[in-house]
Amino acid sequence: MCYTSSPKPKKREIEEMRMLLHVPIYEVTERIEELEEAMRSESKVKQHRRYQVIRLLLKGDPAEVVADRLAMNVRTIYDYTKLYREKGLEGLKIKPKPGRPRKLNKQQEHELTETVEHKTPSEVGFSSEMN
């Protein structure tokens, strides 16, 4: 991977990237400013990178250059492009990942923590024979 600065994109490349994002030329500056504001207010690195990808594309960098610069797969760049094209900034937001449901409720978790921290095994019915 090469992290050196890339040559300035040609006018044709800039237009191709903007067309890929479906952003009219008169909205590019406004969209870049919107992304920069979102980047300033974002504390999560992964979310910040998504905004950065689109910002670089709007500035005219080809997807392959953005992928190389940010050490990402070019397929991911195109995935972010699709999300942005379909839903704007909202589409780039990372969705919470559902996990397995809890087996204990909050009260049960609290009781278990208290038991483990403040009682000996013999106080809760376990044999406490030592080797």
N, C-alpha and C. Protein backbone atom coordinates (compact mmCIF):
# COMPACT_ATOMS: atom_id res chain seq x y z
N MET A 1 0.82 -1.18 0.00
CA MET A 1 0.00 0.00 0.00
C MET A 1 0.86 1.24 0.00
N CYS A 2 0.45 2.20 -0.73
CA CYS A 2 1.21 3.43 -0.86
C CYS A 2 0.45 4.56 -0.16
N TYR A 3 1.12 5.24 0.76
CA TYR A 3 0.47 6.32 1.49
C TYR A 3 0.97 7.68 1.07
N THR A 4 1.64 7.74 -0.03
CA THR A 4 2.14 9.02 -0.51
C THR A 4 0.98 9.77 -1.15
N SER A 5 1.17 11.06 -1.30
CA SER A 5 0.10 11.84 -1.91
C SER A 5 -0.05 11.44 -3.37
N SER A 6 -1.28 11.38 -3.82
CA SER A 6 -1.54 10.98 -5.19
C SER A 6 -1.47 12.21 -6.09
N PRO A 7 -1.22 11.99 -7.37
CA PRO A 7 -1.23 13.14 -8.27
C PRO A 7 -2.62 13.75 -8.31
N LYS A 8 -2.67 15.02 -8.61
CA LYS A 8 -3.95 15.71 -8.67
C LYS A 8 -4.84 15.03 -9.71
N PRO A 9 -6.11 14.73 -9.32
CA PRO A 9 -6.99 14.04 -10.26
C PRO A 9 -7.31 14.93 -11.48
N LYS A 10 -7.48 14.28 -12.60
CA LYS A 10 -7.84 14.99 -13.82
C LYS A 10 -9.31 15.36 -13.76
N LYS A 11 -9.68 16.37 -14.52
CA LYS A 11 -11.05 16.87 -14.53
C LYS A 11 -12.05 15.75 -14.85
N ARG A 12 -11.68 14.88 -15.79
CA ARG A 12 -12.57 13.78 -16.17
C ARG A 12 -12.79 12.84 -14.98
N GLU A 13 -11.70 12.53 -14.23
CA GLU A 13 -11.81 11.65 -13.06
C GLU A 13 -12.71 12.27 -11.99
N ILE A 14 -12.57 13.58 -11.80
CA ILE A 14 -13.40 14.28 -10.81
C ILE A 14 -14.87 14.14 -11.19
N GLU A 15 -15.19 14.38 -12.45
CA GLU A 15 -16.58 14.27 -12.90
C GLU A 15 -17.10 12.85 -12.77
N GLU A 16 -16.25 11.85 -13.06
CA GLU A 16 -16.67 10.45 -12.92
C GLU A 16 -17.05 10.14 -11.47
N MET A 17 -16.25 10.61 -10.51
CA MET A 17 -16.53 10.33 -9.11
C MET A 17 -17.81 11.03 -8.66
N ARG A 18 -18.01 12.26 -9.10
CA ARG A 18 -19.22 12.98 -8.73
C ARG A 18 -20.46 12.33 -9.35
N MET A 19 -20.31 11.84 -10.56
CA MET A 19 -21.44 11.16 -11.20
C MET A 19 -21.74 9.85 -10.47
N LEU A 20 -20.70 9.16 -10.02
CA LEU A 20 -20.88 7.92 -9.27
C LEU A 20 -21.69 8.18 -8.00
N LEU A 21 -21.47 9.34 -7.39
CA LEU A 21 -22.20 9.70 -6.18
C LEU A 21 -23.54 10.37 -6.45
N HIS A 22 -23.81 10.68 -7.71
CA HIS A 22 -25.05 11.37 -8.12
C HIS A 22 -25.19 12.73 -7.44
N VAL A 23 -24.10 13.49 -7.41
CA VAL A 23 -24.12 14.82 -6.80
C VAL A 23 -23.95 15.86 -7.91
N PRO A 24 -24.94 16.74 -8.06
CA PRO A 24 -24.79 17.79 -9.08
C PRO A 24 -23.60 18.69 -8.74
N ILE A 25 -22.94 19.21 -9.76
CA ILE A 25 -21.73 20.02 -9.58
C ILE A 25 -21.98 21.21 -8.65
N TYR A 26 -23.16 21.81 -8.72
CA TYR A 26 -23.44 22.99 -7.90
C TYR A 26 -23.65 22.65 -6.42
N GLU A 27 -23.77 21.36 -6.09
CA GLU A 27 -23.94 20.95 -4.69
C GLU A 27 -22.67 20.40 -4.05
N VAL A 28 -21.63 20.23 -4.82
CA VAL A 28 -20.42 19.57 -4.32
C VAL A 28 -19.83 20.29 -3.12
N THR A 29 -19.64 21.60 -3.22
CA THR A 29 -19.04 22.35 -2.12
C THR A 29 -19.88 22.23 -0.85
N GLU A 30 -21.17 22.35 -1.01
CA GLU A 30 -22.08 22.24 0.15
C GLU A 30 -21.99 20.84 0.78
N ARG A 31 -21.94 19.81 -0.04
CA ARG A 31 -21.86 18.44 0.48
C ARG A 31 -20.52 18.20 1.18
N ILE A 32 -19.44 18.74 0.63
CA ILE A 32 -18.13 18.59 1.27
C ILE A 32 -18.14 19.26 2.64
N GLU A 33 -18.71 20.47 2.71
CA GLU A 33 -18.80 21.18 3.99
C GLU A 33 -19.64 20.40 5.00
N GLU A 34 -20.73 19.81 4.53
CA GLU A 34 -21.59 18.99 5.38
C GLU A 34 -20.81 17.79 5.94
N LEU A 35 -20.04 17.15 5.09
CA LEU A 35 -19.24 16.00 5.52
C LEU A 35 -18.15 16.44 6.50
N GLU A 36 -17.50 17.56 6.24
CA GLU A 36 -16.46 18.05 7.15
C GLU A 36 -17.03 18.37 8.51
N GLU A 37 -18.22 18.93 8.55
CA GLU A 37 -18.88 19.22 9.84
C GLU A 37 -19.20 17.91 10.58
N ALA A 38 -19.70 16.92 9.85
CA ALA A 38 -19.99 15.61 10.45
C ALA A 38 -18.71 14.98 10.97
N MET A 39 -17.62 15.12 10.23
CA MET A 39 -16.33 14.55 10.65
C MET A 39 -15.83 15.22 11.93
N ARG A 40 -16.00 16.56 12.01
CA ARG A 40 -15.54 17.28 13.21
C ARG A 40 -16.31 16.85 14.46
N SER A 41 -17.58 16.56 14.30
CA SER A 41 -18.40 16.22 15.46
C SER A 41 -18.40 14.72 15.78
N GLU A 42 -17.74 13.92 14.96
CA GLU A 42 -17.74 12.46 15.15
C GLU A 42 -16.54 12.01 15.95
N SER A 43 -16.80 11.24 17.01
CA SER A 43 -15.70 10.73 17.85
C SER A 43 -15.33 9.29 17.50
N LYS A 44 -16.20 8.58 16.81
CA LYS A 44 -15.93 7.18 16.46
C LYS A 44 -15.12 7.11 15.17
N VAL A 45 -13.99 6.41 15.24
CA VAL A 45 -13.06 6.34 14.11
C VAL A 45 -13.70 5.72 12.88
N LYS A 46 -14.42 4.62 13.05
CA LYS A 46 -15.01 3.95 11.89
C LYS A 46 -16.02 4.85 11.18
N GLN A 47 -16.81 5.57 11.95
CA GLN A 47 -17.80 6.47 11.36
C GLN A 47 -17.09 7.62 10.64
N HIS A 48 -16.06 8.15 11.26
CA HIS A 48 -15.27 9.24 10.68
C HIS A 48 -14.70 8.82 9.32
N ARG A 49 -14.21 7.58 9.25
CA ARG A 49 -13.62 7.09 7.99
C ARG A 49 -14.66 7.00 6.87
N ARG A 50 -15.87 6.63 7.21
CA ARG A 50 -16.92 6.57 6.18
C ARG A 50 -17.14 7.95 5.58
N TYR A 51 -17.22 8.97 6.45
CA TYR A 51 -17.39 10.33 5.97
C TYR A 51 -16.18 10.76 5.13
N GLN A 52 -14.99 10.38 5.59
CA GLN A 52 -13.77 10.75 4.90
C GLN A 52 -13.73 10.16 3.48
N VAL A 53 -14.18 8.93 3.34
CA VAL A 53 -14.21 8.28 2.03
C VAL A 53 -15.03 9.12 1.05
N ILE A 54 -16.24 9.48 1.44
CA ILE A 54 -17.12 10.24 0.54
C ILE A 54 -16.55 11.62 0.27
N ARG A 55 -15.98 12.25 1.28
CA ARG A 55 -15.38 13.58 1.10
C ARG A 55 -14.27 13.53 0.05
N LEU A 56 -13.40 12.53 0.15
CA LEU A 56 -12.31 12.41 -0.83
C LEU A 56 -12.85 12.14 -2.23
N LEU A 57 -13.90 11.33 -2.33
CA LEU A 57 -14.51 11.06 -3.64
C LEU A 57 -15.11 12.34 -4.23
N LEU A 58 -15.78 13.13 -3.39
CA LEU A 58 -16.37 14.39 -3.86
C LEU A 58 -15.29 15.37 -4.30
N LYS A 59 -14.13 15.30 -3.67
CA LYS A 59 -13.03 16.17 -4.07
C LYS A 59 -12.37 15.70 -5.36
N GLY A 60 -12.77 14.50 -5.83
CA GLY A 60 -12.31 14.04 -7.12
C GLY A 60 -11.34 12.90 -7.13
N ASP A 61 -10.96 12.38 -5.96
CA ASP A 61 -10.04 11.25 -5.95
C ASP A 61 -10.75 9.99 -6.44
N PRO A 62 -10.11 9.22 -7.31
CA PRO A 62 -10.71 7.96 -7.76
C PRO A 62 -10.84 6.96 -6.61
N ALA A 63 -11.79 6.08 -6.70
CA ALA A 63 -12.05 5.11 -5.63
C ALA A 63 -10.80 4.29 -5.30
N GLU A 64 -10.04 3.92 -6.30
CA GLU A 64 -8.84 3.12 -6.07
C GLU A 64 -7.80 3.89 -5.25
N VAL A 65 -7.68 5.18 -5.51
CA VAL A 65 -6.73 6.02 -4.77
C VAL A 65 -7.20 6.18 -3.33
N VAL A 66 -8.50 6.41 -3.13
CA VAL A 66 -9.05 6.53 -1.78
C VAL A 66 -8.82 5.24 -1.01
N ALA A 67 -9.09 4.11 -1.64
CA ALA A 67 -8.89 2.81 -0.99
C ALA A 67 -7.44 2.64 -0.57
N ASP A 68 -6.53 2.98 -1.45
CA ASP A 68 -5.11 2.85 -1.16
C ASP A 68 -4.69 3.80 -0.04
N ARG A 69 -5.13 5.03 -0.12
CA ARG A 69 -4.76 6.05 0.88
C ARG A 69 -5.26 5.68 2.28
N LEU A 70 -6.46 5.12 2.35
CA LEU A 70 -7.06 4.80 3.66
C LEU A 70 -6.88 3.34 4.04
N ALA A 71 -6.11 2.60 3.25
CA ALA A 71 -5.84 1.18 3.51
C ALA A 71 -7.15 0.39 3.64
N MET A 72 -8.01 0.57 2.64
CA MET A 72 -9.30 -0.10 2.62
C MET A 72 -9.44 -0.85 1.30
N ASN A 73 -10.38 -1.79 1.27
CA ASN A 73 -10.68 -2.51 0.05
C ASN A 73 -11.53 -1.61 -0.84
N VAL A 74 -11.26 -1.61 -2.13
CA VAL A 74 -12.00 -0.76 -3.05
C VAL A 74 -13.49 -1.14 -3.07
N ARG A 75 -13.82 -2.40 -2.81
CA ARG A 75 -15.22 -2.82 -2.74
C ARG A 75 -15.95 -2.07 -1.61
N THR A 76 -15.25 -1.87 -0.51
CA THR A 76 -15.84 -1.13 0.63
C THR A 76 -16.12 0.31 0.22
N ILE A 77 -15.21 0.89 -0.55
CA ILE A 77 -15.41 2.27 -1.02
C ILE A 77 -16.69 2.34 -1.85
N TYR A 78 -16.88 1.38 -2.74
CA TYR A 78 -18.09 1.37 -3.56
C TYR A 78 -19.35 1.09 -2.73
N ASP A 79 -19.22 0.28 -1.68
CA ASP A 79 -20.36 0.05 -0.79
C ASP A 79 -20.77 1.35 -0.10
N TYR A 80 -19.80 2.11 0.40
CA TYR A 80 -20.09 3.39 1.05
C TYR A 80 -20.69 4.37 0.05
N THR A 81 -20.19 4.32 -1.17
CA THR A 81 -20.72 5.18 -2.22
C THR A 81 -22.20 4.90 -2.46
N LYS A 82 -22.54 3.63 -2.51
CA LYS A 82 -23.94 3.24 -2.72
C LYS A 82 -24.82 3.71 -1.56
N LEU A 83 -24.34 3.52 -0.33
CA LEU A 83 -25.09 3.97 0.84
C LEU A 83 -25.33 5.47 0.80
N TYR A 84 -24.30 6.22 0.47
CA TYR A 84 -24.40 7.68 0.42
C TYR A 84 -25.34 8.12 -0.70
N ARG A 85 -25.23 7.48 -1.84
CA ARG A 85 -26.08 7.82 -2.99
C ARG A 85 -27.55 7.58 -2.66
N GLU A 86 -27.83 6.49 -1.95
CA GLU A 86 -29.22 6.13 -1.66
C GLU A 86 -29.83 6.90 -0.50
N LYS A 87 -29.01 7.18 0.56
CA LYS A 87 -29.59 7.77 1.77
C LYS A 87 -28.82 8.95 2.35
N GLY A 88 -27.81 9.42 1.63
CA GLY A 88 -27.05 10.57 2.11
C GLY A 88 -26.25 10.22 3.37
N LEU A 89 -26.01 11.22 4.21
CA LEU A 89 -25.24 11.01 5.44
C LEU A 89 -25.86 9.94 6.33
N GLU A 90 -27.18 9.91 6.35
CA GLU A 90 -27.88 8.93 7.19
C GLU A 90 -27.53 7.50 6.78
N GLY A 91 -27.32 7.29 5.50
CA GLY A 91 -26.97 5.96 5.01
C GLY A 91 -25.59 5.51 5.44
N LEU A 92 -24.71 6.46 5.75
CA LEU A 92 -23.35 6.13 6.17
C LEU A 92 -23.25 5.78 7.65
N LYS A 93 -24.30 6.09 8.41
CA LYS A 93 -24.25 5.84 9.85
C LYS A 93 -24.16 4.34 10.13
N ILE A 94 -23.30 4.00 11.06
CA ILE A 94 -23.12 2.60 11.43
C ILE A 94 -24.30 2.17 12.29
N LYS A 95 -24.94 1.10 11.88
CA LYS A 95 -26.10 0.58 12.61
C LYS A 95 -25.63 -0.30 13.77
N PRO A 96 -26.36 -0.28 14.89
CA PRO A 96 -25.99 -1.18 15.98
C PRO A 96 -26.15 -2.63 15.54
N LYS A 97 -25.22 -3.46 15.96
CA LYS A 97 -25.27 -4.87 15.59
C LYS A 97 -26.01 -5.64 16.68
N PRO A 98 -27.06 -6.33 16.30
CA PRO A 98 -27.79 -7.09 17.31
C PRO A 98 -26.96 -8.27 17.80
N GLY A 99 -27.10 -8.56 19.05
CA GLY A 99 -26.38 -9.70 19.62
C GLY A 99 -27.35 -10.69 20.22
N ARG A 100 -26.81 -11.68 20.85
CA ARG A 100 -27.63 -12.67 21.52
C ARG A 100 -28.34 -12.01 22.70
N PRO A 101 -29.62 -12.35 22.91
CA PRO A 101 -30.35 -11.76 24.03
C PRO A 101 -29.73 -12.17 25.37
N ARG A 102 -29.83 -11.31 26.36
CA ARG A 102 -29.31 -11.61 27.68
C ARG A 102 -30.09 -12.74 28.31
N LYS A 103 -29.39 -13.56 29.09
CA LYS A 103 -30.06 -14.64 29.81
C LYS A 103 -30.51 -14.17 31.18
N LEU A 104 -29.82 -13.17 31.72
CA LEU A 104 -30.17 -12.62 33.03
C LEU A 104 -30.70 -11.21 32.84
N ASN A 105 -31.70 -10.85 33.68
CA ASN A 105 -32.15 -9.46 33.64
C ASN A 105 -31.22 -8.61 34.52
N LYS A 106 -31.42 -7.32 34.55
CA LYS A 106 -30.52 -6.42 35.28
C LYS A 106 -30.44 -6.78 36.76
N GLN A 107 -31.58 -7.11 37.37
CA GLN A 107 -31.62 -7.46 38.80
C GLN A 107 -30.80 -8.74 39.05
N GLN A 108 -30.97 -9.73 38.20
CA GLN A 108 -30.23 -10.97 38.36
C GLN A 108 -28.72 -10.74 38.18
N GLU A 109 -28.35 -9.91 37.24
CA GLU A 109 -26.93 -9.59 37.04
C GLU A 109 -26.36 -8.91 38.29
N HIS A 110 -27.12 -7.99 38.84
CA HIS A 110 -26.68 -7.28 40.05
C HIS A 110 -26.50 -8.26 41.21
N GLU A 111 -27.46 -9.14 41.40
CA GLU A 111 -27.37 -10.13 42.49
C GLU A 111 -26.16 -11.05 42.30
N LEU A 112 -25.93 -11.49 41.08
CA LEU A 112 -24.79 -12.35 40.79
C LEU A 112 -23.47 -11.63 41.08
N THR A 113 -23.37 -10.39 40.67
CA THR A 113 -22.16 -9.60 40.92
C THR A 113 -21.92 -9.45 42.42
N GLU A 114 -22.96 -9.12 43.15
CA GLU A 114 -22.83 -8.98 44.61
C GLU A 114 -22.38 -10.30 45.26
N THR A 115 -22.96 -11.40 44.81
CA THR A 115 -22.62 -12.71 45.37
C THR A 115 -21.15 -13.04 45.10
N VAL A 116 -20.72 -12.87 43.89
CA VAL A 116 -19.34 -13.21 43.52
C VAL A 116 -18.34 -12.32 44.26
N GLU A 117 -18.67 -11.05 44.39
CA GLU A 117 -17.74 -10.10 45.01
C GLU A 117 -17.70 -10.19 46.54
N HIS A 118 -18.81 -10.58 47.18
CA HIS A 118 -18.88 -10.44 48.63
C HIS A 118 -19.13 -11.72 49.42
N LYS A 119 -19.26 -12.85 48.76
CA LYS A 119 -19.53 -14.09 49.49
C LYS A 119 -18.51 -15.15 49.12
N THR A 120 -18.30 -16.07 50.05
CA THR A 120 -17.39 -17.19 49.80
C THR A 120 -18.19 -18.33 49.19
N PRO A 121 -17.54 -19.27 48.53
CA PRO A 121 -18.27 -20.40 47.94
C PRO A 121 -19.09 -21.17 48.98
N SER A 122 -18.57 -21.35 50.16
CA SER A 122 -19.32 -22.10 51.17
C SER A 122 -20.59 -21.36 51.61
N GLU A 123 -20.60 -20.04 51.55
CA GLU A 123 -21.78 -19.26 51.94
C GLU A 123 -22.93 -19.41 50.94
N VAL A 124 -22.62 -19.85 49.73
CA VAL A 124 -23.66 -20.02 48.73
C VAL A 124 -23.90 -21.48 48.36
N GLY A 125 -23.37 -22.41 49.17
CA GLY A 125 -23.69 -23.81 48.98
C GLY A 125 -22.67 -24.65 48.24
N PHE A 126 -21.52 -24.10 47.92
CA PHE A 126 -20.49 -24.89 47.28
C PHE A 126 -19.53 -25.42 48.32
N SER A 127 -18.97 -26.58 48.03
CA SER A 127 -17.98 -27.14 48.95
C SER A 127 -16.71 -26.28 48.83
N SER A 128 -16.10 -26.01 49.93
CA SER A 128 -14.93 -25.14 49.89
C SER A 128 -13.67 -25.88 50.30
N GLU A 129 -13.60 -27.15 49.96
CA GLU A 129 -12.41 -27.92 50.27
C GLU A 129 -11.26 -27.44 49.40
N MET A 130 -10.13 -27.27 50.02
CA MET A 130 -8.93 -26.83 49.31
C MET A 130 -8.01 -28.02 49.11
N ASN A 131 -7.26 -28.02 48.06
CA ASN A 131 -6.29 -29.10 47.81
C ASN A 131 -5.09 -28.95 48.67
